[in-house]
PDB file of N, CA and C in Angstrom:
ATOM      1  N   UNK A   1     -28.411 -23.972  -6.903  1.00  0.00           N
ATOM      2  CA  UNK A   1     -27.272 -24.918  -6.763  1.00  0.00           C
ATOM      3  C   UNK A   1     -26.052 -24.522  -7.700  1.00  0.00           C
ATOM      4  N   UNK A   2     -26.455 -23.890  -8.777  1.00  0.00           N
ATOM      5  CA  UNK A   2     -25.377 -23.476  -9.746  1.00  0.00           C
ATOM      6  C   UNK A   2     -24.710 -21.964  -9.131  1.00  0.00           C
ATOM      7  N   UNK A   3     -25.490 -21.164  -8.473  1.00  0.00           N
ATOM      8  CA  UNK A   3     -25.054 -20.017  -7.974  1.00  0.00           C
ATOM      9  C   UNK A   3     -24.123 -20.229  -6.892  1.00  0.00           C
ATOM     10  N   UNK A   4     -24.270 -21.478  -5.989  1.00  0.00           N
ATOM     11  CA  UNK A   4     -23.337 -21.889  -5.066  1.00  0.00           C
ATOM     12  C   UNK A   4     -22.146 -22.229  -5.453  1.00  0.00           C
ATOM     13  N   UNK A   5     -22.073 -23.227  -6.632  1.00  0.00           N
ATOM     14  CA  UNK A   5     -20.877 -23.570  -7.287  1.00  0.00           C
ATOM     15  C   UNK A   5     -20.133 -22.362  -7.894  1.00  0.00           C
ATOM     16  N   UNK A   6     -20.876 -21.550  -8.400  1.00  0.00           N
ATOM     17  CA  UNK A   6     -20.085 -20.355  -9.254  1.00  0.00           C
ATOM     18  C   UNK A   6     -19.486 -19.418  -7.720  1.00  0.00           C
ATOM     19  N   UNK A   7     -20.110 -19.334  -6.711  1.00  0.00           N
ATOM     20  CA  UNK A   7     -19.514 -18.465  -5.547  1.00  0.00           C
ATOM     21  C   UNK A   7     -18.587 -19.284  -5.089  1.00  0.00           C
ATOM     22  N   UNK A   8     -18.614 -20.678  -4.975  1.00  0.00           N
ATOM     23  CA  UNK A   8     -17.469 -21.527  -4.356  1.00  0.00           C
ATOM     24  C   UNK A   8     -16.273 -21.210  -5.147  1.00  0.00           C
ATOM     25  N   UNK A   9     -16.415 -21.189  -6.479  1.00  0.00           N
ATOM     26  CA  UNK A   9     -15.285 -20.961  -7.568  1.00  0.00           C
ATOM     27  C   UNK A   9     -14.629 -19.618  -7.427  1.00  0.00           C
ATOM     28  N   UNK A  10     -15.431 -18.965  -7.015  1.00  0.00           N
ATOM     29  CA  UNK A  10     -15.087 -17.286  -7.119  1.00  0.00           C
ATOM     30  C   UNK A  10     -14.245 -17.416  -5.713  1.00  0.00           C
ATOM     31  N   UNK A  11     -14.717 -17.884  -4.646  1.00  0.00           N
ATOM     32  CA  UNK A  11     -13.764 -17.864  -3.337  1.00  0.00           C
ATOM     33  C   UNK A  11     -12.520 -18.670  -3.415  1.00  0.00           C
ATOM     34  N   UNK A  12     -12.791 -19.719  -4.239  1.00  0.00           N
ATOM     35  CA  UNK A  12     -11.155 -20.444  -4.433  1.00  0.00           C
ATOM     36  C   UNK A  12     -10.405 -19.623  -5.334  1.00  0.00           C
ATOM     37  N   UNK A  13     -10.948 -18.808  -6.071  1.00  0.00           N
ATOM     38  CA  UNK A  13     -10.293 -18.227  -7.047  1.00  0.00           C
ATOM     39  C   UNK A  13      -9.346 -16.846  -6.347  1.00  0.00           C
ATOM     40  N   UNK A  14     -10.346 -16.205  -5.592  1.00  0.00           N
ATOM     41  CA  UNK A  14      -9.622 -15.213  -4.638  1.00  0.00           C
ATOM     42  C   UNK A  14      -8.680 -15.774  -3.631  1.00  0.00           C
ATOM     43  N   UNK A  15      -8.505 -16.788  -3.357  1.00  0.00           N
ATOM     44  CA  UNK A  15      -7.497 -17.354  -2.634  1.00  0.00           C
ATOM     45  C   UNK A  15      -6.273 -17.618  -3.122  1.00  0.00           C
ATOM     46  N   UNK A  16      -6.472 -18.115  -4.488  1.00  0.00           N
ATOM     47  CA  UNK A  16      -5.541 -18.377  -5.353  1.00  0.00           C
ATOM     48  C   UNK A  16      -4.678 -17.016  -5.543  1.00  0.00           C
ATOM     49  N   UNK A  17      -5.650 -15.880  -5.939  1.00  0.00           N
ATOM     50  CA  UNK A  17      -5.087 -14.633  -6.111  1.00  0.00           C
ATOM     51  C   UNK A  17      -4.043 -14.329  -4.845  1.00  0.00           C
ATOM     52  N   UNK A  18      -4.506 -14.572  -3.853  1.00  0.00           N
ATOM     53  CA  UNK A  18      -3.847 -14.122  -2.754  1.00  0.00           C
ATOM     54  C   UNK A  18      -2.475 -14.754  -2.487  1.00  0.00           C
ATOM     55  N   UNK A  19      -2.704 -16.223  -3.011  1.00  0.00           N
ATOM     56  CA  UNK A  19      -1.195 -16.973  -3.110  1.00  0.00           C
ATOM     57  C   UNK A  19      -0.411 -16.338  -4.073  1.00  0.00           C
ATOM     58  N   UNK A  20      -1.018 -15.954  -5.143  1.00  0.00           N
ATOM     59  CA  UNK A  20       0.037 -15.268  -6.309  1.00  0.00           C
ATOM     60  C   UNK A  20       0.416 -13.953  -5.714  1.00  0.00           C
ATOM     61  N   UNK A  21      -0.264 -13.351  -4.930  1.00  0.00           N
ATOM     62  CA  UNK A  21       0.479 -12.204  -4.528  1.00  0.00           C
ATOM     63  C   UNK A  21       1.606 -12.204  -3.619  1.00  0.00           C
ATOM     64  N   UNK A  22       1.533 -13.676  -3.197  1.00  0.00           N
ATOM     65  CA  UNK A  22       2.809 -13.732  -2.251  1.00  0.00           C
ATOM     66  C   UNK A  22       3.891 -13.836  -3.210  1.00  0.00           C
ATOM     67  N   UNK A  23       3.853 -14.257  -4.407  1.00  0.00           N
ATOM     68  CA  UNK A  23       4.894 -14.140  -5.458  1.00  0.00           C
ATOM     69  C   UNK A  23       5.286 -12.649  -5.764  1.00  0.00           C
ATOM     70  N   UNK A  24       4.261 -11.910  -5.739  1.00  0.00           N
ATOM     71  CA  UNK A  24       4.493 -10.650  -6.379  1.00  0.00           C
ATOM     72  C   UNK A  24       5.283  -9.625  -5.250  1.00  0.00           C
ATOM     73  N   UNK A  25       5.010 -10.154  -4.124  1.00  0.00           N
ATOM     74  CA  UNK A  25       5.637  -9.328  -2.868  1.00  0.00           C
ATOM     75  C   UNK A  25       6.918  -9.926  -2.415  1.00  0.00           C
ATOM     76  N   UNK A  26       7.233 -11.245  -2.662  1.00  0.00           N
ATOM     77  CA  UNK A  26       8.334 -11.832  -2.149  1.00  0.00           C
ATOM     78  C   UNK A  26       9.014 -12.596  -3.243  1.00  0.00           C
ATOM     79  N   UNK A  27       8.970 -12.349  -4.336  1.00  0.00           N
ATOM     80  CA  UNK A  27       9.567 -12.968  -5.623  1.00  0.00           C
ATOM     81  C   UNK A  27      10.965 -12.791  -5.651  1.00  0.00           C
ATOM     82  N   UNK A  28      11.771 -13.785  -5.823  1.00  0.00           N
ATOM     83  CA  UNK A  28      13.335 -13.560  -5.678  1.00  0.00           C
ATOM     84  C   UNK A  28      13.915 -12.767  -6.925  1.00  0.00           C
ATOM     85  N   UNK A  29      13.402 -12.716  -8.014  1.00  0.00           N
ATOM     86  CA  UNK A  29      13.572 -11.736  -9.124  1.00  0.00           C
ATOM     87  C   UNK A  29      12.683 -11.028  -9.833  1.00  0.00           C
ATOM     88  N   UNK A  30      12.887 -10.219 -10.428  1.00  0.00           N
ATOM     89  CA  UNK A  30      11.906  -9.037 -11.201  1.00  0.00           C
ATOM     90  C   UNK A  30      11.205  -9.766 -12.101  1.00  0.00           C
ATOM     91  N   UNK A  31      11.552 -10.880 -12.793  1.00  0.00           N
ATOM     92  CA  UNK A  31      10.863 -11.583 -13.682  1.00  0.00           C
ATOM     93  C   UNK A  31       9.624 -12.498 -12.822  1.00  0.00           C
ATOM     94  N   UNK A  32      10.000 -12.879 -11.834  1.00  0.00           N
ATOM     95  CA  UNK A  32       8.931 -13.391 -10.820  1.00  0.00           C
ATOM     96  C   UNK A  32       7.960 -12.542 -10.386  1.00  0.00           C
ATOM     97  N   UNK A  33       8.334 -11.473  -9.879  1.00  0.00           N
ATOM     98  CA  UNK A  33       7.351 -10.349  -9.653  1.00  0.00           C
ATOM     99  C   UNK A  33       6.446 -10.187 -10.784  1.00  0.00           C
ATOM    100  N   UNK A  34       7.062  -9.707 -11.965  1.00  0.00           N
ATOM    101  CA  UNK A  34       6.038  -9.606 -13.231  1.00  0.00           C
ATOM    102  C   UNK A  34       5.224 -10.573 -13.497  1.00  0.00           C
ATOM    103  N   UNK A  35       5.659 -11.723 -13.567  1.00  0.00           N
ATOM    104  CA  UNK A  35       4.788 -12.848 -13.902  1.00  0.00           C
ATOM    105  C   UNK A  35       3.567 -13.036 -12.833  1.00  0.00           C
ATOM    106  N   UNK A  36       3.966 -12.731 -11.546  1.00  0.00           N
ATOM    107  CA  UNK A  36       3.127 -12.914 -10.532  1.00  0.00           C
ATOM    108  C   UNK A  36       1.858 -11.758 -10.513  1.00  0.00           C
ATOM    109  N   UNK A  37       2.208 -10.666 -10.893  1.00  0.00           N
ATOM    110  CA  UNK A  37       1.236  -9.817 -11.285  1.00  0.00           C
ATOM    111  C   UNK A  37       0.643 -10.164 -12.488  1.00  0.00           C
ATOM    112  N   UNK A  38       0.867 -10.417 -13.641  1.00  0.00           N
ATOM    113  CA  UNK A  38       0.087 -11.044 -14.695  1.00  0.00           C
ATOM    114  C   UNK A  38      -0.757 -12.285 -14.264  1.00  0.00           C
ATOM    115  N   UNK A  39      -0.418 -12.996 -13.511  1.00  0.00           N
ATOM    116  CA  UNK A  39      -1.296 -14.025 -13.038  1.00  0.00           C
ATOM    117  C   UNK A  39      -2.348 -13.350 -12.123  1.00  0.00           C
ATOM    118  N   UNK A  40      -2.050 -12.336 -11.330  1.00  0.00           N
ATOM    119  CA  UNK A  40      -3.171 -11.800 -10.611  1.00  0.00           C
ATOM    120  C   UNK A  40      -3.995 -11.125 -11.451  1.00  0.00           C
ATOM    121  N   UNK A  41      -3.646 -10.476 -12.518  1.00  0.00           N
ATOM    122  CA  UNK A  41      -4.547 -10.008 -13.351  1.00  0.00           C
ATOM    123  C   UNK A  41      -5.402 -10.853 -14.312  1.00  0.00           C
ATOM    124  N   UNK A  42      -4.785 -11.944 -14.562  1.00  0.00           N
ATOM    125  CA  UNK A  42      -5.535 -12.807 -15.387  1.00  0.00           C
ATOM    126  C   UNK A  42      -6.652 -13.490 -14.366  1.00  0.00           C
ATOM    127  N   UNK A  43      -6.239 -14.000 -13.482  1.00  0.00           N
ATOM    128  CA  UNK A  43      -7.428 -14.384 -12.433  1.00  0.00           C
ATOM    129  C   UNK A  43      -8.484 -13.438 -11.953  1.00  0.00           C
ATOM    130  N   UNK A  44      -7.950 -12.150 -11.869  1.00  0.00           N
ATOM    131  CA  UNK A  44      -9.089 -11.142 -11.737  1.00  0.00           C
ATOM    132  C   UNK A  44      -9.918 -11.004 -12.622  1.00  0.00           C
ATOM    133  N   UNK A  45      -9.401 -11.271 -13.991  1.00  0.00           N
ATOM    134  CA  UNK A  45     -10.539 -11.072 -15.141  1.00  0.00           C
ATOM    135  C   UNK A  45     -11.560 -12.291 -15.152  1.00  0.00           C
ATOM    136  N   UNK A  46     -11.142 -13.389 -14.710  1.00  0.00           N
ATOM    137  CA  UNK A  46     -12.009 -14.588 -14.600  1.00  0.00           C
ATOM    138  C   UNK A  46     -12.872 -14.181 -13.374  1.00  0.00           C
ATOM    139  N   UNK A  47     -12.311 -13.546 -12.314  1.00  0.00           N
ATOM    140  CA  UNK A  47     -13.312 -13.419 -11.107  1.00  0.00           C
ATOM    141  C   UNK A  47     -14.393 -12.208 -11.545  1.00  0.00           C
ATOM    142  N   UNK A  48     -13.906 -11.414 -12.521  1.00  0.00           N
ATOM    143  CA  UNK A  48     -14.989 -10.461 -12.791  1.00  0.00           C
ATOM    144  C   UNK A  48     -16.118 -11.297 -13.759  1.00  0.00           C
ATOM    145  N   UNK A  49     -15.619 -12.011 -14.361  1.00  0.00           N
ATOM    146  CA  UNK A  49     -16.689 -12.912 -15.304  1.00  0.00           C
ATOM    147  C   UNK A  49     -17.480 -13.634 -14.327  1.00  0.00           C
ATOM    148  N   UNK A  50     -16.914 -14.365 -13.290  1.00  0.00           N
ATOM    149  CA  UNK A  50     -17.736 -14.976 -12.404  1.00  0.00           C
ATOM    150  C   UNK A  50     -18.687 -14.146 -11.643  1.00  0.00           C
ATOM    151  N   UNK A  51     -18.351 -13.185 -11.117  1.00  0.00           N
ATOM    152  CA  UNK A  51     -19.180 -11.962 -10.641  1.00  0.00           C
ATOM    153  C   UNK A  51     -20.511 -11.599 -11.628  1.00  0.00           C
ATOM    154  N   UNK A  52     -20.119 -11.414 -12.916  1.00  0.00           N
ATOM    155  CA  UNK A  52     -20.875 -11.303 -13.811  1.00  0.00           C
ATOM    156  C   UNK A  52     -22.178 -12.472 -13.963  1.00  0.00           C
ATOM    157  N   UNK A  53     -21.786 -13.630 -13.785  1.00  0.00           N
ATOM    158  CA  UNK A  53     -22.628 -14.622 -14.034  1.00  0.00           C
ATOM    159  C   UNK A  53     -23.466 -14.699 -12.720  1.00  0.00           C
ATOM    160  N   UNK A  54     -22.813 -14.333 -11.627  1.00  0.00           N
ATOM    161  CA  UNK A  54     -23.731 -14.230 -10.244  1.00  0.00           C
ATOM    162  C   UNK A  54     -24.795 -13.050 -10.232  1.00  0.00           C
ATOM    163  N   UNK A  55     -24.585 -11.959 -10.971  1.00  0.00           N
ATOM    164  CA  UNK A  55     -25.433 -10.978 -10.923  1.00  0.00           C
ATOM    165  C   UNK A  55     -26.329 -10.986 -12.195  1.00  0.00           C
ATOM    166  N   UNK A  56     -26.193 -12.070 -12.895  1.00  0.00           N
ATOM    167  CA  UNK A  56     -26.987 -12.135 -14.299  1.00  0.00           C
ATOM    168  C   UNK A  56     -27.023 -11.009 -15.075  1.00  0.00           C
ATOM    169  N   UNK A  57     -25.837 -10.552 -15.326  1.00  0.00           N
ATOM    170  CA  UNK A  57     -25.274  -9.187 -16.136  1.00  0.00           C
ATOM    171  C   UNK A  57     -24.062  -9.442 -16.873  1.00  0.00           C
ATOM    172  N   UNK A  58     -23.941 -10.624 -17.324  1.00  0.00           N
ATOM    173  CA  UNK A  58     -22.789 -11.093 -17.951  1.00  0.00           C
ATOM    174  C   UNK A  58     -22.219  -9.949 -19.123  1.00  0.00           C
ATOM    175  N   UNK A  59     -22.836  -9.421 -19.756  1.00  0.00           N
ATOM    176  CA  UNK A  59     -22.436  -8.393 -20.961  1.00  0.00           C
ATOM    177  C   UNK A  59     -21.956  -7.324 -20.479  1.00  0.00           C
ATOM    178  N   UNK A  60     -22.291  -6.421 -19.276  1.00  0.00           N
ATOM    179  CA  UNK A  60     -21.493  -5.709 -18.874  1.00  0.00           C
ATOM    180  C   UNK A  60     -20.206  -6.019 -18.311  1.00  0.00           C
ATOM    181  N   UNK A  61     -20.044  -7.137 -17.614  1.00  0.00           N
ATOM    182  CA  UNK A  61     -18.924  -7.605 -16.867  1.00  0.00           C
ATOM    183  C   UNK A  61     -17.947  -8.112 -17.735  1.00  0.00           C
ATOM    184  N   UNK A  62     -18.347  -8.530 -19.122  1.00  0.00           N
ATOM    185  CA  UNK A  62     -17.477  -9.174 -20.128  1.00  0.00           C
ATOM    186  C   UNK A  62     -16.782  -7.839 -20.490  1.00  0.00           C
ATOM    187  N   UNK A  63     -17.331  -6.567 -20.774  1.00  0.00           N
ATOM    188  CA  UNK A  63     -16.870  -5.494 -21.227  1.00  0.00           C
ATOM    189  C   UNK A  63     -15.600  -5.115 -20.201  1.00  0.00           C
ATOM    190  N   UNK A  64     -15.868  -5.200 -18.894  1.00  0.00           N
ATOM    191  CA  UNK A  64     -14.997  -4.555 -17.945  1.00  0.00           C
ATOM    192  C   UNK A  64     -13.986  -5.502 -17.761  1.00  0.00           C
ATOM    193  N   UNK A  65     -14.144  -6.879 -17.921  1.00  0.00           N
ATOM    194  CA  UNK A  65     -12.995  -7.857 -18.073  1.00  0.00           C
ATOM    195  C   UNK A  65     -12.194  -7.641 -19.243  1.00  0.00           C
ATOM    196  N   UNK A  66     -12.535  -7.446 -20.366  1.00  0.00           N
ATOM    197  CA  UNK A  66     -12.029  -7.322 -21.597  1.00  0.00           C
ATOM    198  C   UNK A  66     -11.036  -5.953 -21.424  1.00  0.00           C
ATOM    199  N   UNK A  67     -11.452  -5.057 -20.928  1.00  0.00           N
ATOM    200  CA  UNK A  67     -10.868  -3.798 -20.734  1.00  0.00           C
ATOM    201  C   UNK A  67      -9.709  -4.108 -19.448  1.00  0.00           C
ATOM    202  N   UNK A  68     -10.078  -4.590 -18.407  1.00  0.00           N
ATOM    203  CA  UNK A  68      -8.914  -4.887 -17.442  1.00  0.00           C
ATOM    204  C   UNK A  68      -7.952  -6.009 -17.852  1.00  0.00           C
ATOM    205  N   UNK A  69      -8.314  -6.732 -18.746  1.00  0.00           N
ATOM    206  CA  UNK A  69      -7.140  -7.666 -19.459  1.00  0.00           C
ATOM    207  C   UNK A  69      -6.185  -6.824 -20.291  1.00  0.00           C
ATOM    208  N   UNK A  70      -6.891  -6.203 -20.996  1.00  0.00           N
ATOM    209  CA  UNK A  70      -5.922  -5.400 -21.856  1.00  0.00           C
ATOM    210  C   UNK A  70      -5.051  -4.411 -21.086  1.00  0.00           C
ATOM    211  N   UNK A  71      -5.498  -3.726 -19.936  1.00  0.00           N
ATOM    212  CA  UNK A  71      -4.740  -3.213 -19.192  1.00  0.00           C
ATOM    213  C   UNK A  71      -3.741  -3.748 -18.594  1.00  0.00           C
ATOM    214  N   UNK A  72      -3.989  -5.016 -18.115  1.00  0.00           N
ATOM    215  CA  UNK A  72      -2.924  -5.990 -17.438  1.00  0.00           C
ATOM    216  C   UNK A  72      -2.010  -6.248 -18.383  1.00  0.00           C
ATOM    217  N   UNK A  73      -2.441  -6.844 -19.681  1.00  0.00           N
ATOM    218  CA  UNK A  73      -1.285  -7.068 -20.666  1.00  0.00           C
ATOM    219  C   UNK A  73      -0.276  -5.727 -21.065  1.00  0.00           C
ATOM    220  N   UNK A  74      -0.849  -4.666 -21.207  1.00  0.00           N
ATOM    221  CA  UNK A  74      -0.121  -3.450 -21.522  1.00  0.00           C
ATOM    222  C   UNK A  74       0.740  -3.307 -20.177  1.00  0.00           C
ATOM    223  N   UNK A  75       0.310  -3.224 -19.053  1.00  0.00           N
ATOM    224  CA  UNK A  75       1.095  -3.216 -17.999  1.00  0.00           C
ATOM    225  C   UNK A  75       2.077  -4.278 -17.875  1.00  0.00           C
ATOM    226  N   UNK A  76       2.012  -5.396 -18.236  1.00  0.00           N
ATOM    227  CA  UNK A  76       2.987  -6.450 -18.055  1.00  0.00           C
ATOM    228  C   UNK A  76       4.112  -6.235 -19.189  1.00  0.00           C
ATOM    229  N   UNK A  77       3.892  -5.816 -20.374  1.00  0.00           N
ATOM    230  CA  UNK A  77       4.729  -5.616 -21.401  1.00  0.00           C
ATOM    231  C   UNK A  77       5.408  -4.180 -21.041  1.00  0.00           C
ATOM    232  N   UNK A  78       4.731  -3.213 -20.434  1.00  0.00           N
ATOM    233  CA  UNK A  78       5.514  -1.809 -20.272  1.00  0.00           C
ATOM    234  C   UNK A  78       6.320  -2.328 -18.928  1.00  0.00           C
ATOM    235  N   UNK A  79       6.153  -3.055 -18.061  1.00  0.00           N
ATOM    236  CA  UNK A  79       6.854  -3.343 -16.992  1.00  0.00           C
ATOM    237  C   UNK A  79       8.245  -4.104 -17.487  1.00  0.00           C
ATOM    238  N   UNK A  80       7.884  -4.900 -18.366  1.00  0.00           N
ATOM    239  CA  UNK A  80       8.981  -6.031 -18.809  1.00  0.00           C
ATOM    240  C   UNK A  80       9.922  -5.344 -19.698  1.00  0.00           C
ATOM    241  N   UNK A  81       9.422  -4.347 -20.304  1.00  0.00           N
ATOM    242  CA  UNK A  81      10.230  -3.642 -21.288  1.00  0.00           C
ATOM    243  C   UNK A  81      11.255  -2.650 -20.425  1.00  0.00           C
ATOM    244  N   UNK A  82      10.725  -1.855 -19.346  1.00  0.00           N
ATOM    245  CA  UNK A  82      11.184  -1.173 -18.719  1.00  0.00           C
ATOM    246  C   UNK A  82      12.502  -1.851 -17.678  1.00  0.00           C
ATOM    247  N   UNK A  83      12.362  -3.056 -17.176  1.00  0.00           N
ATOM    248  CA  UNK A  83      13.207  -3.589 -16.530  1.00  0.00           C
ATOM    249  C   UNK A  83      14.002  -4.312 -17.595  1.00  0.00           C
ATOM    250  N   UNK A  84      13.942  -4.811 -18.654  1.00  0.00           N
ATOM    251  CA  UNK A  84      14.858  -4.986 -19.573  1.00  0.00           C
ATOM    252  C   UNK A  84      15.982  -3.921 -20.268  1.00  0.00           C
ATOM    253  N   UNK A  85      15.143  -2.889 -20.279  1.00  0.00           N
ATOM    254  CA  UNK A  85      15.894  -1.538 -20.697  1.00  0.00           C
ATOM    255  C   UNK A  85      17.111  -1.127 -19.425  1.00  0.00           C
ATOM    256  N   UNK A  86      16.317  -1.068 -18.418  1.00  0.00           N
ATOM    257  CA  UNK A  86      17.058  -0.925 -17.056  1.00  0.00           C
ATOM    258  C   UNK A  86      18.491  -1.719 -17.097  1.00  0.00           C
ATOM    259  N   UNK A  87      18.093  -3.159 -17.229  1.00  0.00           N
ATOM    260  CA  UNK A  87      19.279  -4.015 -17.136  1.00  0.00           C
ATOM    261  C   UNK A  87      20.144  -4.007 -18.060  1.00  0.00           C
ATOM    262  N   UNK A  88      19.940  -3.713 -19.368  1.00  0.00           N
ATOM    263  CA  UNK A  88      20.769  -3.515 -20.548  1.00  0.00           C
ATOM    264  C   UNK A  88      21.558  -2.366 -20.090  1.00  0.00           C
ATOM    265  N   UNK A  89      20.971  -1.030 -19.802  1.00  0.00           N
ATOM    266  CA  UNK A  89      21.725   0.103 -19.386  1.00  0.00           C
ATOM    267  C   UNK A  89      22.634  -0.170 -18.118  1.00  0.00           C
ATOM    268  N   UNK A  90      22.328  -0.848 -17.116  1.00  0.00           N
ATOM    269  CA  UNK A  90      23.253  -1.148 -15.974  1.00  0.00           C
ATOM    270  C   UNK A  90      24.445  -2.026 -16.706  1.00  0.00           C
ATOM    271  N   UNK A  91      24.170  -2.877 -17.394  1.00  0.00           N
ATOM    272  CA  UNK A  91      25.206  -3.636 -17.725  1.00  0.00           C
ATOM    273  C   UNK A  91      26.243  -2.886 -18.488  1.00  0.00           C
ATOM    274  N   UNK A  92      25.787  -2.065 -19.617  1.00  0.00           N
ATOM    275  CA  UNK A  92      26.623  -1.261 -20.521  1.00  0.00           C
ATOM    276  C   UNK A  92      27.293  -0.075 -19.573  1.00  0.00           C
ATOM    277  N   UNK A  93      26.549   0.346 -18.548  1.00  0.00           N
ATOM    278  CA  UNK A  93      27.452   1.393 -17.590  1.00  0.00           C
ATOM    279  C   UNK A  93      28.294   0.394 -16.912  1.00  0.00           C
ATOM    280  N   UNK A  94      28.358  -0.784 -16.370  1.00  0.00           N
ATOM    281  CA  UNK A  94      29.138  -1.565 -15.621  1.00  0.00           C
ATOM    282  C   UNK A  94      30.552  -1.693 -16.615  1.00  0.00           C
ATOM    283  N   UNK A  95      29.973  -1.931 -17.727  1.00  0.00           N
ATOM    284  CA  UNK A  95      31.145  -2.651 -18.670  1.00  0.00           C
ATOM    285  C   UNK A  95      32.063  -1.432 -18.910  1.00  0.00           C
ATOM    286  N   UNK A  96      31.481  -0.250 -19.181  1.00  0.00           N
ATOM    287  CA  UNK A  96      32.197   1.130 -19.115  1.00  0.00           C
ATOM    288  C   UNK A  96      33.092   1.401 -18.056  1.00  0.00           C
ATOM    289  N   UNK A  97      32.601   1.186 -16.744  1.00  0.00           N
ATOM    290  CA  UNK A  97      33.368   1.538 -15.641  1.00  0.00           C
ATOM    291  C   UNK A  97      34.384   0.241 -15.552  1.00  0.00           C
ATOM    292  N   UNK A  98      34.136  -0.789 -15.967  1.00  0.00           N
ATOM    293  CA  UNK A  98      35.282  -1.741 -15.771  1.00  0.00           C
ATOM    294  C   UNK A  98      36.346  -1.481 -16.691  1.00  0.00           C
ATOM    295  N   UNK A  99      36.148  -0.863 -17.976  1.00  0.00           N
ATOM    296  CA  UNK A  99      37.009  -0.616 -18.837  1.00  0.00           C
ATOM    297  C   UNK A  99      37.933   0.709 -18.316  1.00  0.00           C
ATOM    298  N   UNK A 100      37.285   1.742 -17.781  1.00  0.00           N
ATOM    299  CA  UNK A 100      37.796   2.670 -17.026  1.00  0.00           C
ATOM    300  C   UNK A 100      38.729   2.439 -15.875  1.00  0.00           C
ATOM    301  N   UNK A 101      38.428   1.688 -15.079  1.00  0.00           N
ATOM    302  CA  UNK A 101      39.034   0.872 -14.004  1.00  0.00           C
ATOM    303  C   UNK A 101      40.459   0.028 -14.622  1.00  0.00           C
ATOM    304  N   UNK A 102      40.163  -0.574 -15.743  1.00  0.00           N
ATOM    305  CA  UNK A 102      41.311  -1.278 -16.110  1.00  0.00           C
ATOM    306  C   UNK A 102      42.250  -0.358 -17.065  1.00  0.00           C
ATOM    307  N   UNK A 103      41.942   0.684 -17.466  1.00  0.00           N
ATOM    308  CA  UNK A 103      42.825   1.833 -18.097  1.00  0.00           C
ATOM    309  C   UNK A 103      43.729   2.430 -16.907  1.00  0.00           C
ATOM    310  N   UNK A 104      42.811   2.760 -15.628  1.00  0.00           N
ATOM    311  CA  UNK A 104      43.643   3.542 -14.720  1.00  0.00           C
ATOM    312  C   UNK A 104      44.515   2.432 -13.855  1.00  0.00           C
ATOM    313  N   UNK A 105      44.225   1.266 -13.938  1.00  0.00           N
ATOM    314  CA  UNK A 105      45.135   0.328 -13.421  1.00  0.00           C
ATOM    315  C   UNK A 105      46.547   0.071 -14.182  1.00  0.00           C
ATOM    316  N   UNK A 106      46.354  -0.036 -15.425  1.00  0.00           N
ATOM    317  CA  UNK A 106      47.441   0.107 -16.249  1.00  0.00           C
ATOM    318  C   UNK A 106      48.416   1.267 -16.503  1.00  0.00           C
ATOM    319  N   UNK A 107      47.661   2.541 -16.104  1.00  0.00           N
ATOM    320  CA  UNK A 107      48.579   3.651 -16.159  1.00  0.00           C
ATOM    321  C   UNK A 107      49.389   3.857 -14.646  1.00  0.00           C
ATOM    322  N   UNK A 108      48.711   3.142 -13.654  1.00  0.00           N
ATOM    323  CA  UNK A 108      49.542   3.246 -12.410  1.00  0.00           C
ATOM    324  C   UNK A 108      50.617   2.373 -12.509  1.00  0.00           C
ATOM    325  N   UNK A 109      50.447   1.185 -12.911  1.00  0.00           N
ATOM    326  CA  UNK A 109      51.508   0.357 -12.954  1.00  0.00           C
ATOM    327  C   UNK A 109      52.862   0.783 -13.846  1.00  0.00           C
ATOM    328  N   UNK A 110      52.665   1.672 -14.714  1.00  0.00           N
ATOM    329  CA  UNK A 110      53.638   2.284 -15.402  1.00  0.00           C
ATOM    330  C   UNK A 110      54.221   1.384 -16.470  1.00  0.00           C
ATOM    331  N   UNK A 111      55.144   1.616 -17.493  1.00  0.00           N
ATOM    332  CA  UNK A 111      55.797   0.635 -18.300  1.00  0.00           C
ATOM    333  C   UNK A 111      56.838  -0.323 -17.711  1.00  0.00           C
ATOM    334  N   UNK A 112      56.553  -1.593 -18.018  1.00  0.00           N
ATOM    335  CA  UNK A 112      57.583  -2.636 -17.771  1.00  0.00           C
ATOM    336  C   UNK A 112      59.005  -2.681 -18.090  1.00  0.00           C
TER     337      UNK A 112
END
């Protein structure tokens, strides 16, 4: 009875992971995609624990789930830092280009 309940919970969790993948693939912003990937990783960690309960070897699956959760956390931090740094670089470059365009526009107009 308990195995059936855990298996049903695992299948429902797998369906929720697939629904979260829709946010990763079709997210309107980078933040939505990063958050969707983090949600998928977290649900996968729980799924690993449910599989460990089903196979009656929770000790081994806890170790795997902890390692996977740490990798998921580090990947989320890395992706967030990368895209934040890239956005800041793009903003700085846009500002420099706009300043150069303004300088060129004032020299073309000549003195009044």
